[in-house]
Amino acid sequence: LAKLGRYVEEGREASRSEPPSPLTGEAIVGAVAGIVHARILEGRRRLRLLDLTNQLMSVIVTPYLGTAAARRELEVPVQPPPTPRRSAPKLPKPLSVRITYRTMRVLLALGEHPGGSNREIARAAGITDQGQASKLLMRLEREGLVRNAGGGHARGAANAWWLTRQGEQLRRALEEQDG
């Protein structure tokens, strides 16, 4: 818990006002652990700790980023963790990019939102950091899995991302694997 408290305490650097007490990170982790522990002890048959994610993140960010950021945390889409796979999906050709859970979510989001902007794809994939979404889309473009048919910010227009033929094949392989 102390180690987790130190990670949370790194939020002091992001604090927009006077940072809270140095014990805040440890106190937050203790509170979150207490809530999770209480839910487990309740012994519910279908306990879904994932349902607490937004509320707990709201509690975590409040002392560092304020109530506006805490309210935004309540609205962030929560994606369930990936289910363990028996085998890796059969890919159309070897790739230099790793197929992580986030990569898979972006490819699936592009299948659902062809021509989507960075923001639309990130939202559909459950990525809250726009910079991470943009970097991932650029890596996928270099790999030949997606293409940007929009004007992009350099021309004052939004990006419009589409799957390439190879990207569509990979998306289908991932969907089949997800079953």
N, C-alpha and C. Protein backbone atom coordinates (compact mmCIF):
# COMPACT_ATOMS: atom_id res chain seq x y z
N LEU A 1 0.82 -1.20 0.00
CA LEU A 1 0.00 0.00 0.00
C LEU A 1 0.86 1.26 0.00
N ALA A 2 1.98 1.20 0.73
CA ALA A 2 2.86 2.37 0.78
C ALA A 2 3.43 2.66 -0.61
N LYS A 3 3.79 1.60 -1.36
CA LYS A 3 4.32 1.80 -2.71
C LYS A 3 3.25 2.41 -3.62
N LEU A 4 2.03 1.92 -3.53
CA LEU A 4 0.94 2.50 -4.32
C LEU A 4 0.71 3.95 -3.91
N GLY A 5 0.83 4.22 -2.62
CA GLY A 5 0.68 5.60 -2.14
C GLY A 5 1.70 6.52 -2.76
N ARG A 6 2.93 6.02 -2.94
CA ARG A 6 3.97 6.84 -3.57
C ARG A 6 3.62 7.13 -5.03
N TYR A 7 3.05 6.15 -5.73
CA TYR A 7 2.64 6.39 -7.11
C TYR A 7 1.53 7.43 -7.18
N VAL A 8 0.56 7.30 -6.32
CA VAL A 8 -0.53 8.28 -6.31
C VAL A 8 0.01 9.65 -5.93
N GLU A 9 0.97 9.67 -5.03
CA GLU A 9 1.54 10.93 -4.55
C GLU A 9 2.26 11.69 -5.67
N GLU A 10 2.61 10.98 -6.75
CA GLU A 10 3.21 11.67 -7.89
C GLU A 10 2.25 12.69 -8.48
N GLY A 11 0.98 12.57 -8.13
CA GLY A 11 -0.02 13.53 -8.56
C GLY A 11 0.22 14.92 -8.01
N ARG A 12 1.04 15.02 -6.97
CA ARG A 12 1.37 16.34 -6.41
C ARG A 12 1.97 17.23 -7.49
N GLU A 13 2.76 16.64 -8.38
CA GLU A 13 3.39 17.42 -9.45
C GLU A 13 2.36 17.96 -10.44
N ALA A 14 1.25 17.26 -10.58
CA ALA A 14 0.20 17.68 -11.51
C ALA A 14 -0.77 18.66 -10.86
N SER A 15 -0.66 18.83 -9.57
CA SER A 15 -1.60 19.67 -8.84
C SER A 15 -1.56 21.09 -9.38
N ARG A 16 -2.74 21.65 -9.62
CA ARG A 16 -2.83 22.99 -10.20
C ARG A 16 -2.84 24.08 -9.13
N SER A 17 -3.05 23.71 -7.92
CA SER A 17 -3.02 24.68 -6.83
C SER A 17 -1.98 24.22 -5.82
N GLU A 18 -2.07 24.70 -4.62
CA GLU A 18 -1.13 24.27 -3.59
C GLU A 18 -1.31 22.78 -3.34
N PRO A 19 -0.24 21.99 -3.43
CA PRO A 19 -0.38 20.54 -3.28
C PRO A 19 -0.86 20.17 -1.87
N PRO A 20 -1.62 19.07 -1.78
CA PRO A 20 -2.10 18.62 -0.47
C PRO A 20 -0.97 18.05 0.37
N SER A 21 -1.29 17.64 1.56
CA SER A 21 -0.33 17.06 2.51
C SER A 21 0.44 15.91 1.87
N PRO A 22 1.70 15.72 2.26
CA PRO A 22 2.48 14.59 1.74
C PRO A 22 1.89 13.21 2.07
N LEU A 23 1.00 13.14 3.04
CA LEU A 23 0.37 11.86 3.38
C LEU A 23 -0.87 11.56 2.53
N THR A 24 -1.23 12.48 1.66
CA THR A 24 -2.47 12.33 0.89
C THR A 24 -2.47 11.07 0.04
N GLY A 25 -1.39 10.79 -0.66
CA GLY A 25 -1.33 9.60 -1.51
C GLY A 25 -1.55 8.33 -0.72
N GLU A 26 -0.89 8.24 0.42
CA GLU A 26 -1.03 7.06 1.27
C GLU A 26 -2.46 6.96 1.82
N ALA A 27 -3.04 8.09 2.19
CA ALA A 27 -4.41 8.11 2.71
C ALA A 27 -5.41 7.68 1.65
N ILE A 28 -5.22 8.16 0.42
CA ILE A 28 -6.13 7.80 -0.67
C ILE A 28 -6.07 6.30 -0.95
N VAL A 29 -4.85 5.77 -1.03
CA VAL A 29 -4.71 4.34 -1.30
C VAL A 29 -5.34 3.53 -0.18
N GLY A 30 -5.17 3.97 1.08
CA GLY A 30 -5.80 3.29 2.20
C GLY A 30 -7.31 3.30 2.10
N ALA A 31 -7.86 4.43 1.70
CA ALA A 31 -9.31 4.55 1.56
C ALA A 31 -9.82 3.64 0.44
N VAL A 32 -9.14 3.67 -0.70
CA VAL A 32 -9.54 2.83 -1.83
C VAL A 32 -9.44 1.36 -1.45
N ALA A 33 -8.34 0.98 -0.82
CA ALA A 33 -8.17 -0.42 -0.39
C ALA A 33 -9.27 -0.82 0.59
N GLY A 34 -9.62 0.09 1.48
CA GLY A 34 -10.68 -0.19 2.44
C GLY A 34 -12.02 -0.42 1.77
N ILE A 35 -12.32 0.40 0.76
CA ILE A 35 -13.59 0.25 0.03
C ILE A 35 -13.61 -1.08 -0.71
N VAL A 36 -12.53 -1.40 -1.41
CA VAL A 36 -12.46 -2.66 -2.15
C VAL A 36 -12.56 -3.84 -1.18
N HIS A 37 -11.84 -3.77 -0.08
CA HIS A 37 -11.87 -4.83 0.93
C HIS A 37 -13.29 -5.03 1.47
N ALA A 38 -13.98 -3.93 1.77
CA ALA A 38 -15.35 -4.03 2.29
C ALA A 38 -16.27 -4.70 1.28
N ARG A 39 -16.11 -4.36 -0.01
CA ARG A 39 -16.96 -4.96 -1.04
C ARG A 39 -16.70 -6.46 -1.15
N ILE A 40 -15.44 -6.84 -1.03
CA ILE A 40 -15.10 -8.27 -1.10
C ILE A 40 -15.70 -9.00 0.10
N LEU A 41 -15.60 -8.40 1.29
CA LEU A 41 -16.15 -9.04 2.49
C LEU A 41 -17.67 -9.13 2.47
N GLU A 42 -18.32 -8.25 1.73
CA GLU A 42 -19.78 -8.33 1.63
C GLU A 42 -20.22 -9.66 1.02
N GLY A 43 -19.31 -10.27 0.26
CA GLY A 43 -19.57 -11.60 -0.28
C GLY A 43 -20.65 -11.65 -1.34
N ARG A 44 -20.80 -10.59 -2.09
CA ARG A 44 -21.80 -10.60 -3.16
C ARG A 44 -21.44 -11.66 -4.18
N ARG A 45 -22.46 -12.28 -4.73
CA ARG A 45 -22.22 -13.33 -5.73
C ARG A 45 -21.60 -12.77 -6.99
N ARG A 46 -22.08 -11.65 -7.45
CA ARG A 46 -21.60 -11.09 -8.71
C ARG A 46 -20.89 -9.78 -8.46
N LEU A 47 -19.91 -9.79 -7.59
CA LEU A 47 -19.16 -8.59 -7.25
C LEU A 47 -18.42 -8.10 -8.49
N ARG A 48 -18.64 -6.85 -8.85
CA ARG A 48 -17.97 -6.26 -10.00
C ARG A 48 -17.23 -5.01 -9.55
N LEU A 49 -15.97 -5.21 -9.18
CA LEU A 49 -15.16 -4.08 -8.75
C LEU A 49 -14.96 -3.08 -9.88
N LEU A 50 -15.06 -3.56 -11.11
CA LEU A 50 -14.93 -2.68 -12.27
C LEU A 50 -15.97 -1.56 -12.23
N ASP A 51 -17.14 -1.85 -11.64
CA ASP A 51 -18.19 -0.85 -11.54
C ASP A 51 -17.81 0.31 -10.61
N LEU A 52 -16.80 0.11 -9.78
CA LEU A 52 -16.36 1.17 -8.86
C LEU A 52 -15.26 2.04 -9.46
N THR A 53 -14.74 1.67 -10.61
CA THR A 53 -13.57 2.33 -11.19
C THR A 53 -13.73 3.85 -11.27
N ASN A 54 -14.80 4.32 -11.87
CA ASN A 54 -14.97 5.77 -12.05
C ASN A 54 -15.06 6.49 -10.71
N GLN A 55 -15.84 5.92 -9.78
CA GLN A 55 -15.99 6.57 -8.49
C GLN A 55 -14.67 6.62 -7.73
N LEU A 56 -13.91 5.52 -7.78
CA LEU A 56 -12.63 5.50 -7.08
C LEU A 56 -11.62 6.44 -7.72
N MET A 57 -11.60 6.50 -9.06
CA MET A 57 -10.69 7.44 -9.73
C MET A 57 -11.07 8.88 -9.39
N SER A 58 -12.34 9.14 -9.24
CA SER A 58 -12.80 10.47 -8.85
C SER A 58 -12.25 10.84 -7.48
N VAL A 59 -12.30 9.89 -6.56
CA VAL A 59 -11.75 10.11 -5.21
C VAL A 59 -10.25 10.36 -5.28
N ILE A 60 -9.55 9.60 -6.12
CA ILE A 60 -8.09 9.70 -6.21
C ILE A 60 -7.65 11.06 -6.74
N VAL A 61 -8.32 11.58 -7.77
CA VAL A 61 -7.84 12.83 -8.39
C VAL A 61 -8.29 14.09 -7.67
N THR A 62 -9.33 14.00 -6.85
CA THR A 62 -9.88 15.20 -6.22
C THR A 62 -8.85 16.06 -5.50
N PRO A 63 -8.02 15.52 -4.59
CA PRO A 63 -7.10 16.41 -3.87
C PRO A 63 -6.01 17.03 -4.75
N TYR A 64 -5.73 16.42 -5.88
CA TYR A 64 -4.66 16.90 -6.74
C TYR A 64 -5.15 17.82 -7.86
N LEU A 65 -6.28 17.45 -8.48
CA LEU A 65 -6.75 18.16 -9.67
C LEU A 65 -8.08 18.89 -9.46
N GLY A 66 -8.72 18.68 -8.34
CA GLY A 66 -9.94 19.40 -8.03
C GLY A 66 -11.21 18.68 -8.43
N THR A 67 -12.33 19.32 -8.09
CA THR A 67 -13.63 18.68 -8.30
C THR A 67 -14.04 18.59 -9.76
N ALA A 68 -13.60 19.51 -10.60
CA ALA A 68 -13.95 19.43 -12.02
C ALA A 68 -13.34 18.17 -12.64
N ALA A 69 -12.08 17.91 -12.34
CA ALA A 69 -11.42 16.69 -12.84
C ALA A 69 -12.08 15.45 -12.25
N ALA A 70 -12.48 15.53 -11.00
CA ALA A 70 -13.15 14.40 -10.35
C ALA A 70 -14.47 14.09 -11.05
N ARG A 71 -15.22 15.13 -11.41
CA ARG A 71 -16.48 14.92 -12.14
C ARG A 71 -16.23 14.28 -13.52
N ARG A 72 -15.15 14.72 -14.18
CA ARG A 72 -14.83 14.13 -15.50
C ARG A 72 -14.52 12.65 -15.36
N GLU A 73 -13.87 12.26 -14.27
CA GLU A 73 -13.54 10.84 -14.07
C GLU A 73 -14.79 9.98 -13.98
N LEU A 74 -15.88 10.56 -13.53
CA LEU A 74 -17.13 9.81 -13.42
C LEU A 74 -17.71 9.47 -14.79
N GLU A 75 -17.27 10.18 -15.83
CA GLU A 75 -17.80 9.99 -17.18
C GLU A 75 -16.90 9.18 -18.10
N VAL A 76 -15.68 8.86 -17.66
CA VAL A 76 -14.73 8.14 -18.52
C VAL A 76 -15.25 6.72 -18.78
N PRO A 77 -15.29 6.29 -20.05
CA PRO A 77 -15.72 4.92 -20.34
C PRO A 77 -14.75 3.92 -19.72
N VAL A 78 -15.27 2.94 -19.05
CA VAL A 78 -14.44 1.91 -18.42
C VAL A 78 -14.49 0.67 -19.28
N GLN A 79 -13.34 0.22 -19.70
CA GLN A 79 -13.24 -0.99 -20.50
C GLN A 79 -12.87 -2.16 -19.60
N PRO A 80 -13.55 -3.27 -19.73
CA PRO A 80 -13.16 -4.43 -18.92
C PRO A 80 -11.78 -4.91 -19.33
N PRO A 81 -11.06 -5.51 -18.41
CA PRO A 81 -9.73 -6.01 -18.77
C PRO A 81 -9.87 -7.12 -19.81
N PRO A 82 -8.83 -7.31 -20.60
CA PRO A 82 -8.91 -8.35 -21.63
C PRO A 82 -9.04 -9.72 -20.99
N THR A 83 -9.80 -10.59 -21.63
CA THR A 83 -9.90 -11.95 -21.13
C THR A 83 -8.68 -12.72 -21.61
N PRO A 84 -8.18 -13.62 -20.77
CA PRO A 84 -7.00 -14.39 -21.20
C PRO A 84 -7.30 -15.17 -22.47
N ARG A 85 -6.33 -15.21 -23.34
CA ARG A 85 -6.51 -15.91 -24.61
C ARG A 85 -5.73 -17.22 -24.58
N ARG A 86 -6.27 -18.17 -25.28
CA ARG A 86 -5.57 -19.45 -25.37
C ARG A 86 -4.40 -19.38 -26.33
N SER A 87 -4.58 -18.61 -27.40
CA SER A 87 -3.50 -18.47 -28.37
C SER A 87 -3.60 -17.10 -29.01
N ALA A 88 -2.50 -16.63 -29.54
CA ALA A 88 -2.48 -15.33 -30.20
C ALA A 88 -3.27 -15.41 -31.50
N PRO A 89 -3.87 -14.30 -31.92
CA PRO A 89 -4.61 -14.33 -33.18
C PRO A 89 -3.68 -14.59 -34.36
N LYS A 90 -4.22 -15.25 -35.37
CA LYS A 90 -3.44 -15.47 -36.59
C LYS A 90 -3.44 -14.17 -37.38
N LEU A 91 -2.26 -13.61 -37.54
CA LEU A 91 -2.14 -12.31 -38.20
C LEU A 91 -1.87 -12.51 -39.68
N PRO A 92 -2.36 -11.56 -40.51
CA PRO A 92 -2.14 -11.67 -41.95
C PRO A 92 -0.65 -11.68 -42.33
N LYS A 93 0.18 -10.91 -41.63
CA LYS A 93 1.62 -10.91 -41.87
C LYS A 93 2.31 -10.45 -40.59
N PRO A 94 3.59 -10.74 -40.43
CA PRO A 94 4.28 -10.30 -39.21
C PRO A 94 4.27 -8.76 -39.10
N LEU A 95 4.11 -8.28 -37.89
CA LEU A 95 4.05 -6.84 -37.66
C LEU A 95 5.20 -6.41 -36.75
N SER A 96 5.61 -5.15 -36.92
CA SER A 96 6.64 -4.63 -36.03
C SER A 96 6.02 -3.97 -34.81
N VAL A 97 4.71 -3.70 -34.86
CA VAL A 97 4.01 -3.09 -33.73
C VAL A 97 3.42 -4.22 -32.88
N ARG A 98 3.52 -4.06 -31.55
CA ARG A 98 2.94 -5.04 -30.64
C ARG A 98 1.42 -4.87 -30.62
N ILE A 99 0.71 -5.98 -30.61
CA ILE A 99 -0.74 -5.93 -30.52
C ILE A 99 -1.10 -6.00 -29.04
N THR A 100 -1.19 -4.83 -28.43
CA THR A 100 -1.56 -4.72 -27.02
C THR A 100 -3.08 -4.61 -26.93
N TYR A 101 -3.58 -4.63 -25.72
CA TYR A 101 -5.02 -4.45 -25.51
C TYR A 101 -5.47 -3.11 -26.08
N ARG A 102 -4.68 -2.06 -25.88
CA ARG A 102 -5.03 -0.73 -26.37
C ARG A 102 -5.02 -0.70 -27.91
N THR A 103 -4.02 -1.35 -28.52
CA THR A 103 -3.95 -1.42 -29.99
C THR A 103 -5.19 -2.13 -30.53
N MET A 104 -5.55 -3.23 -29.89
CA MET A 104 -6.73 -3.98 -30.31
C MET A 104 -7.98 -3.10 -30.19
N ARG A 105 -8.13 -2.36 -29.10
CA ARG A 105 -9.30 -1.50 -28.91
C ARG A 105 -9.38 -0.43 -30.00
N VAL A 106 -8.22 0.13 -30.40
CA VAL A 106 -8.21 1.16 -31.44
C VAL A 106 -8.62 0.55 -32.78
N LEU A 107 -8.10 -0.61 -33.12
CA LEU A 107 -8.46 -1.25 -34.38
C LEU A 107 -9.95 -1.59 -34.42
N LEU A 108 -10.47 -2.08 -33.31
CA LEU A 108 -11.90 -2.40 -33.26
C LEU A 108 -12.74 -1.13 -33.33
N ALA A 109 -12.28 -0.06 -32.69
CA ALA A 109 -12.99 1.23 -32.74
C ALA A 109 -13.01 1.77 -34.16
N LEU A 110 -11.90 1.62 -34.89
CA LEU A 110 -11.85 2.08 -36.28
C LEU A 110 -12.83 1.29 -37.15
N GLY A 111 -13.01 0.01 -36.84
CA GLY A 111 -14.00 -0.78 -37.57
C GLY A 111 -15.41 -0.28 -37.33
N GLU A 112 -15.67 0.22 -36.13
CA GLU A 112 -17.00 0.73 -35.77
C GLU A 112 -17.20 2.18 -36.21
N HIS A 113 -16.11 2.94 -36.33
CA HIS A 113 -16.19 4.37 -36.64
C HIS A 113 -15.25 4.73 -37.79
N PRO A 114 -15.46 4.18 -38.99
CA PRO A 114 -14.56 4.52 -40.10
C PRO A 114 -14.61 6.02 -40.39
N GLY A 115 -13.44 6.59 -40.64
CA GLY A 115 -13.35 8.02 -40.92
C GLY A 115 -13.36 8.87 -39.67
N GLY A 116 -13.23 8.22 -38.50
CA GLY A 116 -13.28 8.94 -37.23
C GLY A 116 -12.04 9.79 -36.99
N SER A 117 -12.24 10.86 -36.23
CA SER A 117 -11.12 11.72 -35.83
C SER A 117 -10.36 11.06 -34.69
N ASN A 118 -9.21 11.63 -34.33
CA ASN A 118 -8.43 11.12 -33.21
C ASN A 118 -9.31 11.03 -31.96
N ARG A 119 -10.07 12.11 -31.71
CA ARG A 119 -10.90 12.17 -30.50
C ARG A 119 -11.98 11.09 -30.52
N GLU A 120 -12.64 10.90 -31.67
CA GLU A 120 -13.70 9.89 -31.76
C GLU A 120 -13.15 8.49 -31.55
N ILE A 121 -12.02 8.21 -32.17
CA ILE A 121 -11.42 6.88 -32.05
C ILE A 121 -10.96 6.65 -30.62
N ALA A 122 -10.32 7.66 -30.02
CA ALA A 122 -9.86 7.52 -28.63
C ALA A 122 -11.04 7.26 -27.70
N ARG A 123 -12.11 8.02 -27.87
CA ARG A 123 -13.29 7.86 -27.01
C ARG A 123 -13.87 6.45 -27.17
N ALA A 124 -14.01 5.98 -28.41
CA ALA A 124 -14.58 4.66 -28.66
C ALA A 124 -13.68 3.54 -28.13
N ALA A 125 -12.37 3.80 -28.10
CA ALA A 125 -11.42 2.80 -27.61
C ALA A 125 -11.21 2.90 -26.10
N GLY A 126 -11.78 3.91 -25.47
CA GLY A 126 -11.62 4.06 -24.03
C GLY A 126 -10.29 4.65 -23.62
N ILE A 127 -9.67 5.43 -24.50
CA ILE A 127 -8.38 6.07 -24.21
C ILE A 127 -8.67 7.52 -23.84
N THR A 128 -8.23 7.92 -22.65
CA THR A 128 -8.51 9.29 -22.20
C THR A 128 -7.41 10.27 -22.58
N ASP A 129 -6.21 9.79 -22.79
CA ASP A 129 -5.08 10.67 -23.13
C ASP A 129 -5.00 10.82 -24.64
N GLN A 130 -5.34 12.02 -25.14
CA GLN A 130 -5.35 12.27 -26.59
C GLN A 130 -3.97 12.06 -27.20
N GLY A 131 -2.92 12.40 -26.47
CA GLY A 131 -1.56 12.22 -26.98
C GLY A 131 -1.24 10.75 -27.23
N GLN A 132 -1.66 9.89 -26.31
CA GLN A 132 -1.42 8.46 -26.49
C GLN A 132 -2.18 7.92 -27.70
N ALA A 133 -3.41 8.38 -27.86
CA ALA A 133 -4.20 7.93 -29.01
C ALA A 133 -3.54 8.37 -30.31
N SER A 134 -3.09 9.62 -30.37
CA SER A 134 -2.45 10.13 -31.59
C SER A 134 -1.18 9.36 -31.91
N LYS A 135 -0.36 9.10 -30.90
CA LYS A 135 0.89 8.34 -31.12
C LYS A 135 0.59 6.94 -31.62
N LEU A 136 -0.40 6.29 -31.03
CA LEU A 136 -0.75 4.94 -31.45
C LEU A 136 -1.27 4.94 -32.89
N LEU A 137 -2.12 5.89 -33.24
CA LEU A 137 -2.61 5.97 -34.61
C LEU A 137 -1.47 6.20 -35.60
N MET A 138 -0.51 7.02 -35.23
CA MET A 138 0.65 7.25 -36.12
C MET A 138 1.47 5.98 -36.29
N ARG A 139 1.67 5.22 -35.20
CA ARG A 139 2.41 3.95 -35.32
C ARG A 139 1.66 2.97 -36.22
N LEU A 140 0.34 2.92 -36.06
CA LEU A 140 -0.45 2.03 -36.90
C LEU A 140 -0.41 2.47 -38.36
N GLU A 141 -0.32 3.78 -38.59
CA GLU A 141 -0.21 4.28 -39.96
C GLU A 141 1.14 3.88 -40.56
N ARG A 142 2.22 4.03 -39.79
CA ARG A 142 3.55 3.62 -40.28
C ARG A 142 3.58 2.12 -40.60
N GLU A 143 2.81 1.34 -39.85
CA GLU A 143 2.76 -0.10 -40.04
C GLU A 143 1.90 -0.48 -41.25
N GLY A 144 1.15 0.49 -41.77
CA GLY A 144 0.29 0.23 -42.93
C GLY A 144 -1.06 -0.36 -42.56
N LEU A 145 -1.47 -0.20 -41.28
CA LEU A 145 -2.74 -0.75 -40.84
C LEU A 145 -3.88 0.27 -40.92
N VAL A 146 -3.54 1.56 -40.87
CA VAL A 146 -4.55 2.61 -40.98
C VAL A 146 -4.01 3.69 -41.91
N ARG A 147 -4.94 4.51 -42.40
CA ARG A 147 -4.53 5.66 -43.20
C ARG A 147 -5.37 6.86 -42.78
N ASN A 148 -4.77 8.02 -42.91
CA ASN A 148 -5.44 9.26 -42.54
C ASN A 148 -5.89 9.94 -43.83
N ALA A 149 -7.19 9.99 -44.05
CA ALA A 149 -7.73 10.62 -45.25
C ALA A 149 -8.17 12.06 -44.98
N GLY A 150 -7.97 12.55 -43.75
CA GLY A 150 -8.36 13.91 -43.41
C GLY A 150 -7.23 14.88 -43.66
N GLY A 151 -7.52 16.14 -43.50
CA GLY A 151 -6.53 17.18 -43.72
C GLY A 151 -5.49 17.25 -42.62
N GLY A 152 -5.83 16.84 -41.42
CA GLY A 152 -4.90 16.90 -40.31
C GLY A 152 -4.76 18.31 -39.77
N HIS A 153 -4.17 18.42 -38.61
CA HIS A 153 -4.05 19.73 -37.95
C HIS A 153 -3.14 20.70 -38.70
N ALA A 154 -2.20 20.19 -39.47
CA ALA A 154 -1.32 21.08 -40.22
C ALA A 154 -2.11 21.90 -41.22
N ARG A 155 -3.21 21.35 -41.70
CA ARG A 155 -4.05 22.06 -42.68
C ARG A 155 -5.31 22.64 -42.03
N GLY A 156 -5.40 22.55 -40.71
CA GLY A 156 -6.55 23.10 -40.00
C GLY A 156 -7.80 22.24 -40.05
N ALA A 157 -7.65 20.97 -40.43
CA ALA A 157 -8.80 20.07 -40.50
C ALA A 157 -8.56 18.87 -39.59
N ALA A 158 -9.63 18.19 -39.26
CA ALA A 158 -9.52 17.01 -38.41
C ALA A 158 -8.95 15.83 -39.20
N ASN A 159 -8.33 14.91 -38.48
CA ASN A 159 -7.90 13.66 -39.09
C ASN A 159 -9.13 12.80 -39.35
N ALA A 160 -9.05 11.95 -40.34
CA ALA A 160 -10.12 11.00 -40.66
C ALA A 160 -9.45 9.65 -40.88
N TRP A 161 -9.52 8.78 -39.89
CA TRP A 161 -8.78 7.52 -39.90
C TRP A 161 -9.63 6.40 -40.48
N TRP A 162 -8.98 5.60 -41.32
CA TRP A 162 -9.62 4.45 -41.96
C TRP A 162 -8.68 3.25 -41.84
N LEU A 163 -9.23 2.08 -41.75
CA LEU A 163 -8.44 0.86 -41.79
C LEU A 163 -8.01 0.59 -43.22
N THR A 164 -6.78 0.15 -43.41
CA THR A 164 -6.33 -0.32 -44.71
C THR A 164 -6.81 -1.76 -44.88
N ARG A 165 -6.58 -2.34 -46.02
CA ARG A 165 -6.96 -3.74 -46.23
C ARG A 165 -6.30 -4.64 -45.18
N GLN A 166 -5.01 -4.41 -44.93
CA GLN A 166 -4.30 -5.20 -43.93
C GLN A 166 -4.85 -4.93 -42.53
N GLY A 167 -5.18 -3.68 -42.24
CA GLY A 167 -5.77 -3.34 -40.94
C GLY A 167 -7.11 -4.01 -40.74
N GLU A 168 -7.91 -4.05 -41.80
CA GLU A 168 -9.21 -4.72 -41.73
C GLU A 168 -9.05 -6.22 -41.50
N GLN A 169 -8.07 -6.82 -42.16
CA GLN A 169 -7.80 -8.25 -41.93
C GLN A 169 -7.41 -8.51 -40.48
N LEU A 170 -6.56 -7.65 -39.94
CA LEU A 170 -6.14 -7.80 -38.55
C LEU A 170 -7.33 -7.59 -37.61
N ARG A 171 -8.16 -6.59 -37.90
CA ARG A 171 -9.34 -6.33 -37.06
C ARG A 171 -10.25 -7.55 -37.04
N ARG A 172 -10.49 -8.15 -38.22
CA ARG A 172 -11.33 -9.35 -38.27
C ARG A 172 -10.71 -10.50 -37.49
N ALA A 173 -9.38 -10.65 -37.61
CA ALA A 173 -8.70 -11.72 -36.87
C ALA A 173 -8.85 -11.50 -35.36
N LEU A 174 -8.75 -10.24 -34.94
CA LEU A 174 -8.90 -9.93 -33.52
C LEU A 174 -10.34 -10.18 -33.05
N GLU A 175 -11.31 -9.81 -33.87
CA GLU A 175 -12.71 -10.05 -33.52
C GLU A 175 -13.00 -11.53 -33.40
N GLU A 176 -12.48 -12.32 -34.35
CA GLU A 176 -12.69 -13.77 -34.31
C GLU A 176 -12.04 -14.36 -33.06
N GLN A 177 -10.86 -13.86 -32.73
CA GLN A 177 -10.16 -14.36 -31.56
C GLN A 177 -10.93 -14.01 -30.28
N ASP A 178 -11.52 -12.80 -30.28
CA ASP A 178 -12.28 -12.35 -29.12
C ASP A 178 -13.56 -13.16 -28.98
N GLY A 179 -14.06 -13.63 -30.13
CA GLY A 179 -15.17 -14.54 -30.20
C GLY A 179 -16.44 -14.08 -29.66
